Amino acid sequence: MRLALGISYNGLAYQGWQSQSSGQTVQDKLEKALSEFTGQRVSTLCAGRTDAGVHGLMQVIHFDTPAQRPEANWVRGPNALLPHDIAVQWAKEVPPEFHCRASASSRRYAYVVLDSPVRPSIDQGRVGWVYRPLNLERMQQAAQHLLGEHDFSSFRASACQALSPVKTLMRIDISRRGAYWRFEFEANAFLHHMIRNLMGCLILIGDGRKEPDWILEVLAARDRDAAAPTFSPYGLYFVGPRYEARWGLPEHPTLLDGLPGAL
């Protein structure tokens, strides 16, 4: 049968999602636990890869297995074998035509940023940090220019393997609670480092070093050198993919409600 699992993880201790020879990735730890639980080799596919230091609230994976277990056991069993900073949130049997990546209609990320003259301590690794005050209106003006279908080459890492730099950015929500800012992004797909590069530009605009219309120049350049430096991975969360209701998968990760800056 084909199973879909929702996975949450703190990415600080890992070299990103994708399996590497070091064995120190989230995928490596998850597949090891699933293989031990089933007694056979398990290979997984994910909805969206994440970089080192990036967290996952609802990474969705799927895999095929002949092992028969109640859905609740696919949560409890692997969780007993996983490191403390990775957890299966839910499990559901899905039809064989379901694909965690190809079936997703969009993907969502959140960035949490501490706006403070003092660097993070308790929140270290869970938030990004700026020491220059940010202006909401300026960043919202710039964000409007980014919505819709664009060639996002200026925000693409050199190592990006996407076939096309053209993506559709559906939503950018920016809010603040106390010293914490939250930026939420939703698109049909993202390029490698796209959000971290968008964030670098929004921060420069928010703190007054660039004007909101500067983002139009960056877009038009289609050149990575035209944009701001890549922002820190700290504070970046893969919120998860969205799927059509027919698949019957959870859409809202409860862990999103507990992030700093929640309204």
C-alpha atoms as a PDB file:
ATOM      1  CA  MET A   1       0.000   0.000   0.000  1.00  0.00           C
ATOM      2  CA  ARG A   2       0.980   3.644  -0.350  1.00  0.00           C
ATOM      3  CA  LEU A   3       1.246   5.705   2.806  1.00  0.00           C
ATOM      4  CA  ALA A   4       1.462   9.456   3.306  1.00  0.00           C
ATOM      5  CA  LEU A   5       2.990  10.797   6.516  1.00  0.00           C
ATOM      6  CA  GLY A   6       3.163  14.310   7.933  1.00  0.00           C
ATOM      7  CA  ILE A   7       6.569  14.982   9.504  1.00  0.00           C
ATOM      8  CA  SER A   8       7.709  17.809  11.779  1.00  0.00           C
ATOM      9  CA  TYR A   9      11.320  18.500  12.626  1.00  0.00           C
ATOM     10  CA  ASN A  10      13.745  20.979  14.111  1.00  0.00           C
ATOM     11  CA  GLY A  11      16.390  21.355  11.404  1.00  0.00           C
ATOM     12  CA  LEU A  12      19.256  22.711  13.503  1.00  0.00           C
ATOM     13  CA  ALA A  13      21.037  19.395  13.987  1.00  0.00           C
ATOM     14  CA  TYR A  14      20.725  18.227  10.378  1.00  0.00           C
ATOM     15  CA  GLN A  15      22.287  18.865   6.977  1.00  0.00           C
ATOM     16  CA  GLY A  16      18.910  19.570   5.423  1.00  0.00           C
ATOM     17  CA  TRP A  17      16.234  17.138   4.308  1.00  0.00           C
ATOM     18  CA  GLN A  18      17.795  15.216   1.430  1.00  0.00           C
ATOM     19  CA  SER A  19      19.764  12.051   2.143  1.00  0.00           C
ATOM     20  CA  GLN A  20      23.566  12.383   2.147  1.00  0.00           C
ATOM     21  CA  SER A  21      26.476   9.999   2.661  1.00  0.00           C
ATOM     22  CA  SER A  22      26.991  11.428   6.162  1.00  0.00           C
ATOM     23  CA  GLY A  23      23.611  10.086   7.255  1.00  0.00           C
ATOM     24  CA  GLN A  24      22.971  13.369   9.100  1.00  0.00           C
ATOM     25  CA  THR A  25      19.827  14.496   7.295  1.00  0.00           C
ATOM     26  CA  VAL A  26      16.162  14.334   8.254  1.00  0.00           C
ATOM     27  CA  GLN A  27      15.432  11.892   5.429  1.00  0.00           C
ATOM     28  CA  ASP A  28      18.228   9.595   6.607  1.00  0.00           C
ATOM     29  CA  LYS A  29      16.896   9.496  10.163  1.00  0.00           C
ATOM     30  CA  LEU A  30      13.304   8.996   9.034  1.00  0.00           C
ATOM     31  CA  GLU A  31      14.084   6.179   6.594  1.00  0.00           C
ATOM     32  CA  LYS A  32      16.209   4.439   9.223  1.00  0.00           C
ATOM     33  CA  ALA A  33      13.308   4.529  11.698  1.00  0.00           C
ATOM     34  CA  LEU A  34      10.741   3.378   9.110  1.00  0.00           C
ATOM     35  CA  SER A  35      13.010   0.567   7.942  1.00  0.00           C
ATOM     36  CA  GLU A  36      13.511  -0.620  11.509  1.00  0.00           C
ATOM     37  CA  PHE A  37       9.778  -0.407  12.191  1.00  0.00           C
ATOM     38  CA  THR A  38       8.809  -2.423   9.098  1.00  0.00           C
ATOM     39  CA  GLY A  39      11.773  -4.770   9.015  1.00  0.00           C
ATOM     40  CA  GLN A  40      12.556  -3.849   5.398  1.00  0.00           C
ATOM     41  CA  ARG A  41      14.216  -1.030   3.467  1.00  0.00           C
ATOM     42  CA  VAL A  42      11.951   2.016   3.088  1.00  0.00           C
ATOM     43  CA  SER A  43      12.639   4.798   0.572  1.00  0.00           C
ATOM     44  CA  THR A  44      10.646   8.020   0.804  1.00  0.00           C
ATOM     45  CA  LEU A  45       9.794  10.998  -1.398  1.00  0.00           C
ATOM     46  CA  CYS A  46       9.017  14.430   0.056  1.00  0.00           C
ATOM     47  CA  ALA A  47       6.837  17.399  -0.902  1.00  0.00           C
ATOM     48  CA  GLY A  48       9.660  19.946  -0.609  1.00  0.00           C
ATOM     49  CA  ARG A  49      13.337  19.734   0.315  1.00  0.00           C
ATOM     50  CA  THR A  50      14.677  22.013   3.038  1.00  0.00           C
ATOM     51  CA  ASP A  51      18.184  23.356   3.672  1.00  0.00           C
ATOM     52  CA  ALA A  52      20.349  22.844   6.723  1.00  0.00           C
ATOM     53  CA  GLY A  53      18.931  24.761   9.675  1.00  0.00           C
ATOM     54  CA  VAL A  54      15.426  25.013   8.176  1.00  0.00           C
ATOM     55  CA  HIS A  55      12.551  23.520  10.152  1.00  0.00           C
ATOM     56  CA  GLY A  56       9.516  21.542   8.997  1.00  0.00           C
ATOM     57  CA  LEU A  57       6.030  21.887  10.455  1.00  0.00           C
ATOM     58  CA  MET A  58       4.288  19.505   8.056  1.00  0.00           C
ATOM     59  CA  GLN A  59       6.639  17.960   5.567  1.00  0.00           C
ATOM     60  CA  VAL A  60       4.589  15.390   3.643  1.00  0.00           C
ATOM     61  CA  ILE A  61       6.229  12.194   2.438  1.00  0.00           C
ATOM     62  CA  HIS A  62       4.967   9.057   0.755  1.00  0.00           C
ATOM     63  CA  PHE A  63       6.304   5.543   0.306  1.00  0.00           C
ATOM     64  CA  ASP A  64       5.076   2.110  -0.771  1.00  0.00           C
ATOM     65  CA  THR A  65       5.233  -0.844   1.591  1.00  0.00           C
ATOM     66  CA  PRO A  66       3.769  -4.341   1.926  1.00  0.00           C
ATOM     67  CA  ALA A  67       3.755  -3.897   5.715  1.00  0.00           C
ATOM     68  CA  GLN A  68       0.228  -3.768   7.162  1.00  0.00           C
ATOM     69  CA  ARG A  69      -0.262  -1.654  10.283  1.00  0.00           C
ATOM     70  CA  PRO A  70      -3.134   0.452  11.689  1.00  0.00           C
ATOM     71  CA  GLU A  71      -2.659   4.137  10.813  1.00  0.00           C
ATOM     72  CA  ALA A  72      -2.138   5.043  14.479  1.00  0.00           C
ATOM     73  CA  ASN A  73       0.760   2.600  14.661  1.00  0.00           C
ATOM     74  CA  TRP A  74       2.506   4.371  11.766  1.00  0.00           C
ATOM     75  CA  VAL A  75       2.674   7.385  14.093  1.00  0.00           C
ATOM     76  CA  ARG A  76       3.587   5.759  17.398  1.00  0.00           C
ATOM     77  CA  GLY A  77       5.993   3.146  16.047  1.00  0.00           C
ATOM     78  CA  PRO A  78       8.389   5.358  14.069  1.00  0.00           C
ATOM     79  CA  ASN A  79       8.226   8.064  16.762  1.00  0.00           C
ATOM     80  CA  ALA A  80       9.614   5.582  19.290  1.00  0.00           C
ATOM     81  CA  LEU A  81      12.635   5.143  17.008  1.00  0.00           C
ATOM     82  CA  LEU A  82      13.199   8.708  15.794  1.00  0.00           C
ATOM     83  CA  PRO A  83      15.449  11.355  17.387  1.00  0.00           C
ATOM     84  CA  HIS A  84      13.649  13.698  19.768  1.00  0.00           C
ATOM     85  CA  ASP A  85      13.633  16.556  17.228  1.00  0.00           C
ATOM     86  CA  ILE A  86      11.799  14.650  14.462  1.00  0.00           C
ATOM     87  CA  ALA A  87       8.214  13.373  14.818  1.00  0.00           C
ATOM     88  CA  VAL A  88       5.513  11.803  12.671  1.00  0.00           C
ATOM     89  CA  GLN A  89       2.382  13.938  13.143  1.00  0.00           C
ATOM     90  CA  TRP A  90      -0.112  11.808  11.205  1.00  0.00           C
ATOM     91  CA  ALA A  91      -0.312   8.876   8.786  1.00  0.00           C
ATOM     92  CA  LYS A  92      -2.875   8.027   6.130  1.00  0.00           C
ATOM     93  CA  GLU A  93      -3.197   5.369   3.462  1.00  0.00           C
ATOM     94  CA  VAL A  94      -3.558   7.024   0.045  1.00  0.00           C
ATOM     95  CA  PRO A  95      -4.378   5.768  -3.459  1.00  0.00           C
ATOM     96  CA  PRO A  96      -1.429   4.614  -5.603  1.00  0.00           C
ATOM     97  CA  GLU A  97      -1.802   7.647  -7.889  1.00  0.00           C
ATOM     98  CA  PHE A  98      -1.089  10.069  -5.014  1.00  0.00           C
ATOM     99  CA  HIS A  99       2.343  11.703  -5.174  1.00  0.00           C
ATOM    100  CA  CYS A 100       3.410  13.974  -2.307  1.00  0.00           C
ATOM    101  CA  ARG A 101       5.194  16.373  -4.672  1.00  0.00           C
ATOM    102  CA  ALA A 102       3.272  16.174  -7.953  1.00  0.00           C
ATOM    103  CA  SER A 103      -0.164  16.159  -6.287  1.00  0.00           C
ATOM    104  CA  ALA A 104       0.523  19.347  -4.302  1.00  0.00           C
ATOM    105  CA  SER A 105      -1.288  22.446  -5.570  1.00  0.00           C
ATOM    106  CA  SER A 106       0.956  24.830  -3.615  1.00  0.00           C
ATOM    107  CA  ARG A 107       3.626  25.006  -0.932  1.00  0.00           C
ATOM    108  CA  ARG A 108       3.838  27.284   2.096  1.00  0.00           C
ATOM    109  CA  TYR A 109       6.712  28.680   4.125  1.00  0.00           C
ATOM    110  CA  ALA A 110       6.885  30.983   7.136  1.00  0.00           C
ATOM    111  CA  TYR A 111       9.777  33.153   8.277  1.00  0.00           C
ATOM    112  CA  VAL A 112       9.913  34.436  11.853  1.00  0.00           C
ATOM    113  CA  VAL A 113      12.231  37.377  12.479  1.00  0.00           C
ATOM    114  CA  LEU A 114      13.169  39.000  15.791  1.00  0.00           C
ATOM    115  CA  ASP A 115      13.381  42.816  15.502  1.00  0.00           C
ATOM    116  CA  SER A 116      15.652  43.766  18.382  1.00  0.00           C
ATOM    117  CA  PRO A 117      18.956  45.520  19.120  1.00  0.00           C
ATOM    118  CA  VAL A 118      19.961  42.364  21.009  1.00  0.00           C
ATOM    119  CA  ARG A 119      20.572  39.044  19.254  1.00  0.00           C
ATOM    120  CA  PRO A 120      18.368  35.988  20.049  1.00  0.00           C
ATOM    121  CA  SER A 121      19.249  33.716  22.932  1.00  0.00           C
ATOM    122  CA  ILE A 122      16.354  31.441  23.939  1.00  0.00           C
ATOM    123  CA  ASP A 123      15.065  31.654  20.364  1.00  0.00           C
ATOM    124  CA  GLN A 124      18.458  31.029  18.769  1.00  0.00           C
ATOM    125  CA  GLY A 125      17.944  28.993  15.613  1.00  0.00           C
ATOM    126  CA  ARG A 126      14.163  29.416  15.737  1.00  0.00           C
ATOM    127  CA  VAL A 127      14.109  33.010  14.491  1.00  0.00           C
ATOM    128  CA  GLY A 128      15.985  35.246  12.108  1.00  0.00           C
ATOM    129  CA  TRP A 129      17.323  38.512  13.504  1.00  0.00           C
ATOM    130  CA  VAL A 130      17.445  42.157  12.447  1.00  0.00           C
ATOM    131  CA  TYR A 131      18.693  45.021  14.589  1.00  0.00           C
ATOM    132  CA  ARG A 132      17.403  47.839  12.380  1.00  0.00           C
ATOM    133  CA  PRO A 133      13.669  48.576  12.913  1.00  0.00           C
ATOM    134  CA  LEU A 134      11.429  47.368  10.080  1.00  0.00           C
ATOM    135  CA  ASN A 135       8.515  49.218   8.493  1.00  0.00           C
ATOM    136  CA  LEU A 136       5.409  47.180   7.649  1.00  0.00           C
ATOM    137  CA  GLU A 137       3.994  49.465   4.961  1.00  0.00           C
ATOM    138  CA  ARG A 138       7.235  49.566   2.979  1.00  0.00           C
ATOM    139  CA  MET A 139       7.532  45.770   2.960  1.00  0.00           C
ATOM    140  CA  GLN A 140       3.878  45.294   2.020  1.00  0.00           C
ATOM    141  CA  GLN A 141       4.293  47.663  -0.939  1.00  0.00           C
ATOM    142  CA  ALA A 142       7.265  45.653  -2.170  1.00  0.00           C
ATOM    143  CA  ALA A 143       5.469  42.350  -1.611  1.00  0.00           C
ATOM    144  CA  GLN A 144       2.645  43.408  -3.926  1.00  0.00           C
ATOM    145  CA  HIS A 145       5.137  43.643  -6.796  1.00  0.00           C
ATOM    146  CA  LEU A 146       6.170  40.027  -6.254  1.00  0.00           C
ATOM    147  CA  LEU A 147       2.708  38.467  -6.463  1.00  0.00           C
ATOM    148  CA  GLY A 148       1.700  36.599  -9.591  1.00  0.00           C
ATOM    149  CA  GLU A 149       3.712  34.750 -12.213  1.00  0.00           C
ATOM    150  CA  HIS A 150       7.283  35.994 -12.671  1.00  0.00           C
ATOM    151  CA  ASP A 151      10.713  34.885 -13.735  1.00  0.00           C
ATOM    152  CA  PHE A 152      12.415  34.680 -10.328  1.00  0.00           C
ATOM    153  CA  SER A 153      15.951  34.175 -11.668  1.00  0.00           C
ATOM    154  CA  SER A 154      17.218  37.025  -9.473  1.00  0.00           C
ATOM    155  CA  PHE A 155      16.185  35.019  -6.398  1.00  0.00           C
ATOM    156  CA  ARG A 156      17.546  31.668  -7.548  1.00  0.00           C
ATOM    157  CA  ALA A 157      20.614  29.938  -6.119  1.00  0.00           C
ATOM    158  CA  SER A 158      23.297  28.914  -8.607  1.00  0.00           C
ATOM    159  CA  ALA A 159      22.836  25.271  -7.565  1.00  0.00           C
ATOM    160  CA  CYS A 160      19.091  25.314  -8.288  1.00  0.00           C
ATOM    161  CA  GLN A 161      17.975  22.331 -10.378  1.00  0.00           C
ATOM    162  CA  ALA A 162      14.475  23.583 -11.290  1.00  0.00           C
ATOM    163  CA  LEU A 163      13.692  23.303 -14.992  1.00  0.00           C
ATOM    164  CA  SER A 164      12.209  26.813 -15.118  1.00  0.00           C
ATOM    165  CA  PRO A 165      12.677  29.971 -13.014  1.00  0.00           C
ATOM    166  CA  VAL A 166       9.057  30.989 -13.689  1.00  0.00           C
ATOM    167  CA  LYS A 167       6.883  30.482 -10.610  1.00  0.00           C
ATOM    168  CA  THR A 168       3.567  31.846  -9.364  1.00  0.00           C
ATOM    169  CA  LEU A 169       3.695  33.535  -5.966  1.00  0.00           C
ATOM    170  CA  MET A 170       0.131  33.482  -4.648  1.00  0.00           C
ATOM    171  CA  ARG A 171       0.433  35.065  -1.238  1.00  0.00           C
ATOM    172  CA  ILE A 172       2.785  37.051   0.981  1.00  0.00           C
ATOM    173  CA  ASP A 173       1.378  37.944   4.413  1.00  0.00           C
ATOM    174  CA  ILE A 174       3.442  40.107   6.764  1.00  0.00           C
ATOM    175  CA  SER A 175       2.429  40.680  10.386  1.00  0.00           C
ATOM    176  CA  ARG A 176       3.994  41.667  13.680  1.00  0.00           C
ATOM    177  CA  ARG A 177       3.413  40.791  17.310  1.00  0.00           C
ATOM    178  CA  GLY A 178       5.659  42.524  19.782  1.00  0.00           C
ATOM    179  CA  ALA A 179       9.264  42.166  18.659  1.00  0.00           C
ATOM    180  CA  TYR A 180       8.465  39.287  16.279  1.00  0.00           C
ATOM    181  CA  TRP A 181       7.665  39.568  12.595  1.00  0.00           C
ATOM    182  CA  ARG A 182       6.091  36.747  10.632  1.00  0.00           C
ATOM    183  CA  PHE A 183       6.338  36.492   6.848  1.00  0.00           C
ATOM    184  CA  GLU A 184       4.194  33.835   5.166  1.00  0.00           C
ATOM    185  CA  PHE A 185       4.732  32.799   1.541  1.00  0.00           C
ATOM    186  CA  GLU A 186       2.648  30.544  -0.699  1.00  0.00           C
ATOM    187  CA  ALA A 187       3.481  29.592  -4.290  1.00  0.00           C
ATOM    188  CA  ASN A 188       2.907  26.787  -6.740  1.00  0.00           C
ATOM    189  CA  ALA A 189       6.600  25.952  -6.262  1.00  0.00           C
ATOM    190  CA  PHE A 190       9.802  27.603  -5.048  1.00  0.00           C
ATOM    191  CA  LEU A 191      13.326  27.799  -6.423  1.00  0.00           C
ATOM    192  CA  HIS A 192      16.362  26.852  -4.347  1.00  0.00           C
ATOM    193  CA  HIS A 193      16.978  29.654  -1.795  1.00  0.00           C
ATOM    194  CA  MET A 194      14.125  31.669  -3.348  1.00  0.00           C
ATOM    195  CA  ILE A 195      12.491  32.580  -0.042  1.00  0.00           C
ATOM    196  CA  ARG A 196      15.765  33.371   1.704  1.00  0.00           C
ATOM    197  CA  ASN A 197      16.673  35.686  -1.189  1.00  0.00           C
ATOM    198  CA  LEU A 198      13.232  37.316  -1.192  1.00  0.00           C
ATOM    199  CA  MET A 199      13.625  37.869   2.536  1.00  0.00           C
ATOM    200  CA  GLY A 200      17.008  39.520   2.068  1.00  0.00           C
ATOM    201  CA  CYS A 201      15.397  42.056  -0.269  1.00  0.00           C
ATOM    202  CA  LEU A 202      12.332  42.655   1.924  1.00  0.00           C
ATOM    203  CA  ILE A 203      14.574  43.318   4.923  1.00  0.00           C
ATOM    204  CA  LEU A 204      16.606  45.923   2.993  1.00  0.00           C
ATOM    205  CA  ILE A 205      13.357  47.634   2.020  1.00  0.00           C
ATOM    206  CA  GLY A 206      11.836  47.334   5.476  1.00  0.00           C
ATOM    207  CA  ASP A 207      14.781  48.961   7.228  1.00  0.00           C
ATOM    208  CA  GLY A 208      14.939  51.816   4.700  1.00  0.00           C
ATOM    209  CA  ARG A 209      18.118  50.940   2.837  1.00  0.00           C
ATOM    210  CA  LYS A 210      16.129  50.362  -0.381  1.00  0.00           C
ATOM    211  CA  GLU A 211      12.842  51.756  -1.703  1.00  0.00           C
ATOM    212  CA  PRO A 212       9.836  49.451  -2.284  1.00  0.00           C
ATOM    213  CA  ASP A 213      10.002  49.876  -6.080  1.00  0.00           C
ATOM    214  CA  TRP A 214      13.588  48.584  -6.052  1.00  0.00           C
ATOM    215  CA  ILE A 215      12.140  45.067  -6.018  1.00  0.00           C
ATOM    216  CA  LEU A 216      10.865  45.683  -9.579  1.00  0.00           C
ATOM    217  CA  GLU A 217      14.426  46.379 -10.733  1.00  0.00           C
ATOM    218  CA  VAL A 218      15.606  43.169  -9.099  1.00  0.00           C
ATOM    219  CA  LEU A 219      12.872  41.126 -10.781  1.00  0.00           C
ATOM    220  CA  ALA A 220      13.549  42.673 -14.193  1.00  0.00           C
ATOM    221  CA  ALA A 221      17.309  42.033 -13.956  1.00  0.00           C
ATOM    222  CA  ARG A 222      16.873  38.235 -13.837  1.00  0.00           C
ATOM    223  CA  ASP A 223      20.330  38.171 -12.292  1.00  0.00           C
ATOM    224  CA  ARG A 224      21.167  36.887  -8.801  1.00  0.00           C
ATOM    225  CA  ASP A 225      23.773  39.641  -8.373  1.00  0.00           C
ATOM    226  CA  ALA A 226      20.999  42.254  -8.538  1.00  0.00           C
ATOM    227  CA  ALA A 227      19.325  41.033  -5.338  1.00  0.00           C
ATOM    228  CA  ALA A 228      20.258  41.237  -1.666  1.00  0.00           C
ATOM    229  CA  PRO A 229      22.464  38.668   0.099  1.00  0.00           C
ATOM    230  CA  THR A 230      20.757  35.409   1.063  1.00  0.00           C
ATOM    231  CA  PHE A 231      19.068  35.744   4.453  1.00  0.00           C
ATOM    232  CA  SER A 232      19.840  33.344   7.319  1.00  0.00           C
ATOM    233  CA  PRO A 233      18.110  29.925   7.344  1.00  0.00           C
ATOM    234  CA  TYR A 234      17.305  30.482  11.018  1.00  0.00           C
ATOM    235  CA  GLY A 235      13.634  31.270  11.445  1.00  0.00           C
ATOM    236  CA  LEU A 236      12.539  29.607   8.189  1.00  0.00           C
ATOM    237  CA  TYR A 237       9.820  26.955   8.447  1.00  0.00           C
ATOM    238  CA  PHE A 238       8.347  24.735   5.746  1.00  0.00           C
ATOM    239  CA  VAL A 239       4.685  25.022   6.689  1.00  0.00           C
ATOM    240  CA  GLY A 240       3.698  22.312   4.225  1.00  0.00           C
ATOM    241  CA  PRO A 241       1.967  21.624   0.923  1.00  0.00           C
ATOM    242  CA  ARG A 242      -1.695  22.023   0.060  1.00  0.00           C
ATOM    243  CA  TYR A 243      -3.638  19.237  -1.618  1.00  0.00           C
ATOM    244  CA  GLU A 244      -7.094  18.862  -3.109  1.00  0.00           C
ATOM    245  CA  ALA A 245      -9.705  17.792  -0.556  1.00  0.00           C
ATOM    246  CA  ARG A 246     -10.170  14.457  -2.329  1.00  0.00           C
ATOM    247  CA  TRP A 247      -6.917  13.159  -0.842  1.00  0.00           C
ATOM    248  CA  GLY A 248      -8.241  13.675   2.691  1.00  0.00           C
ATOM    249  CA  LEU A 249      -4.964  14.969   4.137  1.00  0.00           C
ATOM    250  CA  PRO A 250      -4.607  17.561   6.936  1.00  0.00           C
ATOM    251  CA  GLU A 251      -4.065  21.107   5.671  1.00  0.00           C
ATOM    252  CA  HIS A 252      -3.275  23.170   8.760  1.00  0.00           C
ATOM    253  CA  PRO A 253      -0.265  22.125  10.864  1.00  0.00           C
ATOM    254  CA  THR A 254      -1.130  22.792  14.501  1.00  0.00           C
ATOM    255  CA  LEU A 255       2.523  23.635  15.170  1.00  0.00           C
ATOM    256  CA  LEU A 256       2.098  26.811  13.084  1.00  0.00           C
ATOM    257  CA  ASP A 257      -0.046  28.282  15.861  1.00  0.00           C
ATOM    258  CA  GLY A 258       2.843  28.034  18.311  1.00  0.00           C
ATOM    259  CA  LEU A 259       5.466  29.872  16.280  1.00  0.00           C
ATOM    260  CA  PRO A 260       6.777  33.187  17.655  1.00  0.00           C
ATOM    261  CA  GLY A 261       4.757  36.049  16.216  1.00  0.00           C
ATOM    262  CA  ALA A 262       1.480  34.103  16.048  1.00  0.00           C
ATOM    263  CA  LEU A 263      -1.557  36.404  16.013  1.00  0.00           C
END
